[in-house]
Amino acid sequence: MGVNRRKIVDGLVSAGLSENEAIGLVESVEAEIKSTKKASLKKRGAQQLLGGFAAFFIGLIITLVGFGAWESGATGGFLVVAIVPMILGIIEILLGLINLIRSAV
């Protein structure tokens, strides 16, 4: 957090709150920020997992269709492999898992 916790408590005390009230307020705000961060990480992690699986399977489907066409000779010996969506999908899946783990800690 950007400002020293003690400075915030002192500012609240000088504004008329008791020391205990000021500390309680600061702790409440800190807990709310932590909770919001965890919820945000969890949501982002779930979105990354979903997007990663989608990208991976789209790349896999393109590759399998391309392999089928290559095997039948329809492509004239040209094999289509969609490796980039699969790699990006794996990266997104890993990032999603990391964010989900971070949200649980």
C-alpha atoms as a PDB file:
ATOM      1  CA  MET A   1       0.000   0.000   0.000  1.00  0.00           C
ATOM      2  CA  GLY A   2       1.238   3.441  -0.882  1.00  0.00           C
ATOM      3  CA  VAL A   3       0.945   5.220   2.462  1.00  0.00           C
ATOM      4  CA  ASN A   4       2.442   4.184   5.763  1.00  0.00           C
ATOM      5  CA  ARG A   5      -0.210   2.554   7.936  1.00  0.00           C
ATOM      6  CA  ARG A   6       0.889   4.610  10.963  1.00  0.00           C
ATOM      7  CA  LYS A   7       0.374   7.879   9.038  1.00  0.00           C
ATOM      8  CA  ILE A   8      -3.154   6.843   8.131  1.00  0.00           C
ATOM      9  CA  VAL A   9      -3.994   5.960  11.745  1.00  0.00           C
ATOM     10  CA  ASP A  10      -2.473   9.244  12.964  1.00  0.00           C
ATOM     11  CA  GLY A  11      -4.492  11.178  10.381  1.00  0.00           C
ATOM     12  CA  LEU A  12      -7.711   9.482  11.473  1.00  0.00           C
ATOM     13  CA  VAL A  13      -6.924  10.155  15.149  1.00  0.00           C
ATOM     14  CA  SER A  14      -6.279  13.827  14.382  1.00  0.00           C
ATOM     15  CA  ALA A  15      -9.641  13.873  12.566  1.00  0.00           C
ATOM     16  CA  GLY A  16     -11.382  12.827  15.780  1.00  0.00           C
ATOM     17  CA  LEU A  17     -11.391   9.029  15.889  1.00  0.00           C
ATOM     18  CA  SER A  18      -9.966   7.140  18.845  1.00  0.00           C
ATOM     19  CA  GLU A  19      -6.796   5.109  18.322  1.00  0.00           C
ATOM     20  CA  ASN A  20      -8.750   1.826  18.456  1.00  0.00           C
ATOM     21  CA  GLU A  21     -11.401   3.079  16.032  1.00  0.00           C
ATOM     22  CA  ALA A  22      -8.729   4.268  13.591  1.00  0.00           C
ATOM     23  CA  ILE A  23      -6.842   0.961  13.752  1.00  0.00           C
ATOM     24  CA  GLY A  24     -10.093  -0.975  13.311  1.00  0.00           C
ATOM     25  CA  LEU A  25     -11.045   1.117  10.287  1.00  0.00           C
ATOM     26  CA  VAL A  26      -7.633   0.671   8.661  1.00  0.00           C
ATOM     27  CA  GLU A  27      -7.708  -3.087   9.283  1.00  0.00           C
ATOM     28  CA  SER A  28     -11.218  -3.288   7.837  1.00  0.00           C
ATOM     29  CA  VAL A  29     -10.180  -1.464   4.674  1.00  0.00           C
ATOM     30  CA  GLU A  30      -7.061  -3.629   4.323  1.00  0.00           C
ATOM     31  CA  ALA A  31      -9.159  -6.796   4.669  1.00  0.00           C
ATOM     32  CA  GLU A  32     -11.603  -5.538   2.026  1.00  0.00           C
ATOM     33  CA  ILE A  33      -8.744  -4.762  -0.388  1.00  0.00           C
ATOM     34  CA  LYS A  34      -7.261  -8.229   0.159  1.00  0.00           C
ATOM     35  CA  SER A  35     -10.649  -9.871  -0.400  1.00  0.00           C
ATOM     36  CA  THR A  36     -11.234  -7.884  -3.589  1.00  0.00           C
ATOM     37  CA  LYS A  37      -7.776  -8.811  -4.911  1.00  0.00           C
ATOM     38  CA  LYS A  38      -8.424 -12.501  -4.277  1.00  0.00           C
ATOM     39  CA  ALA A  39     -11.798 -12.365  -6.028  1.00  0.00           C
ATOM     40  CA  SER A  40     -10.209 -10.586  -8.978  1.00  0.00           C
ATOM     41  CA  LEU A  41      -7.421 -13.181  -9.247  1.00  0.00           C
ATOM     42  CA  LYS A  42      -9.960 -16.001  -9.075  1.00  0.00           C
ATOM     43  CA  LYS A  43     -12.097 -14.479 -11.829  1.00  0.00           C
ATOM     44  CA  ARG A  44      -9.089 -13.774 -14.049  1.00  0.00           C
ATOM     45  CA  GLY A  45      -7.732 -17.289 -13.464  1.00  0.00           C
ATOM     46  CA  ALA A  46     -11.029 -18.879 -14.457  1.00  0.00           C
ATOM     47  CA  GLN A  47     -11.205 -16.731 -17.605  1.00  0.00           C
ATOM     48  CA  GLN A  48      -7.631 -17.652 -18.518  1.00  0.00           C
ATOM     49  CA  LEU A  49      -8.352 -21.351 -18.038  1.00  0.00           C
ATOM     50  CA  LEU A  50     -11.435 -21.171 -20.236  1.00  0.00           C
ATOM     51  CA  GLY A  51      -9.677 -19.148 -22.942  1.00  0.00           C
ATOM     52  CA  GLY A  52      -6.614 -21.381 -22.784  1.00  0.00           C
ATOM     53  CA  PHE A  53      -8.631 -24.560 -23.227  1.00  0.00           C
ATOM     54  CA  ALA A  54     -10.584 -22.971 -26.079  1.00  0.00           C
ATOM     55  CA  ALA A  55      -7.417 -21.857 -27.896  1.00  0.00           C
ATOM     56  CA  PHE A  56      -5.737 -25.219 -27.376  1.00  0.00           C
ATOM     57  CA  PHE A  57      -8.686 -27.226 -28.671  1.00  0.00           C
ATOM     58  CA  ILE A  58      -9.224 -24.927 -31.658  1.00  0.00           C
ATOM     59  CA  GLY A  59      -5.569 -25.444 -32.579  1.00  0.00           C
ATOM     60  CA  LEU A  60      -5.913 -29.174 -32.018  1.00  0.00           C
ATOM     61  CA  ILE A  61      -9.038 -29.400 -34.198  1.00  0.00           C
ATOM     62  CA  ILE A  62      -7.375 -27.422 -37.005  1.00  0.00           C
ATOM     63  CA  THR A  63      -4.340 -29.712 -36.790  1.00  0.00           C
ATOM     64  CA  LEU A  64      -6.443 -32.896 -36.795  1.00  0.00           C
ATOM     65  CA  VAL A  65      -8.531 -31.707 -39.749  1.00  0.00           C
ATOM     66  CA  GLY A  66      -5.329 -30.721 -41.555  1.00  0.00           C
ATOM     67  CA  PHE A  67      -3.804 -34.114 -40.791  1.00  0.00           C
ATOM     68  CA  GLY A  68      -6.901 -35.863 -42.157  1.00  0.00           C
ATOM     69  CA  ALA A  69      -6.712 -33.803 -45.342  1.00  0.00           C
ATOM     70  CA  TRP A  70      -2.974 -34.477 -45.622  1.00  0.00           C
ATOM     71  CA  GLU A  71      -3.463 -38.214 -45.177  1.00  0.00           C
ATOM     72  CA  SER A  72      -6.111 -38.325 -47.884  1.00  0.00           C
ATOM     73  CA  GLY A  73      -3.831 -36.429 -50.242  1.00  0.00           C
ATOM     74  CA  ALA A  74      -6.265 -33.513 -50.596  1.00  0.00           C
ATOM     75  CA  THR A  75      -3.607 -30.949 -49.716  1.00  0.00           C
ATOM     76  CA  GLY A  76      -1.003 -32.117 -52.203  1.00  0.00           C
ATOM     77  CA  GLY A  77       1.478 -33.050 -49.476  1.00  0.00           C
ATOM     78  CA  PHE A  78       0.956 -29.856 -47.453  1.00  0.00           C
ATOM     79  CA  LEU A  79       0.339 -30.486 -43.710  1.00  0.00           C
ATOM     80  CA  VAL A  80      -1.425 -27.827 -41.628  1.00  0.00           C
ATOM     81  CA  VAL A  81      -0.301 -27.747 -37.994  1.00  0.00           C
ATOM     82  CA  ALA A  82      -1.789 -25.032 -35.788  1.00  0.00           C
ATOM     83  CA  ILE A  83       0.901 -25.075 -33.127  1.00  0.00           C
ATOM     84  CA  VAL A  84       0.628 -21.403 -32.108  1.00  0.00           C
ATOM     85  CA  PRO A  85      -2.923 -21.594 -30.695  1.00  0.00           C
ATOM     86  CA  MET A  86      -2.004 -24.776 -28.851  1.00  0.00           C
ATOM     87  CA  ILE A  87       1.128 -23.232 -27.310  1.00  0.00           C
ATOM     88  CA  LEU A  88      -0.712 -20.024 -26.385  1.00  0.00           C
ATOM     89  CA  GLY A  89      -3.521 -22.129 -24.945  1.00  0.00           C
ATOM     90  CA  ILE A  90      -1.106 -24.056 -22.752  1.00  0.00           C
ATOM     91  CA  ILE A  91       0.468 -20.798 -21.554  1.00  0.00           C
ATOM     92  CA  GLU A  92      -2.969 -19.361 -20.706  1.00  0.00           C
ATOM     93  CA  ILE A  93      -3.943 -22.558 -18.887  1.00  0.00           C
ATOM     94  CA  LEU A  94      -0.773 -22.368 -16.776  1.00  0.00           C
ATOM     95  CA  LEU A  95      -1.303 -18.669 -16.023  1.00  0.00           C
ATOM     96  CA  GLY A  96      -4.912 -19.392 -15.084  1.00  0.00           C
ATOM     97  CA  LEU A  97      -3.839 -22.143 -12.708  1.00  0.00           C
ATOM     98  CA  ILE A  98      -1.242 -19.854 -11.131  1.00  0.00           C
ATOM     99  CA  ASN A  99      -3.856 -17.133 -10.583  1.00  0.00           C
ATOM    100  CA  LEU A 100      -6.320 -19.613  -9.104  1.00  0.00           C
ATOM    101  CA  ILE A 101      -3.654 -20.876  -6.708  1.00  0.00           C
ATOM    102  CA  ARG A 102      -2.696 -17.295  -5.781  1.00  0.00           C
ATOM    103  CA  SER A 103      -6.342 -16.468  -5.102  1.00  0.00           C
ATOM    104  CA  ALA A 104      -6.614 -19.387  -2.678  1.00  0.00           C
ATOM    105  CA  VAL A 105      -3.563 -18.417  -0.596  1.00  0.00           C
END
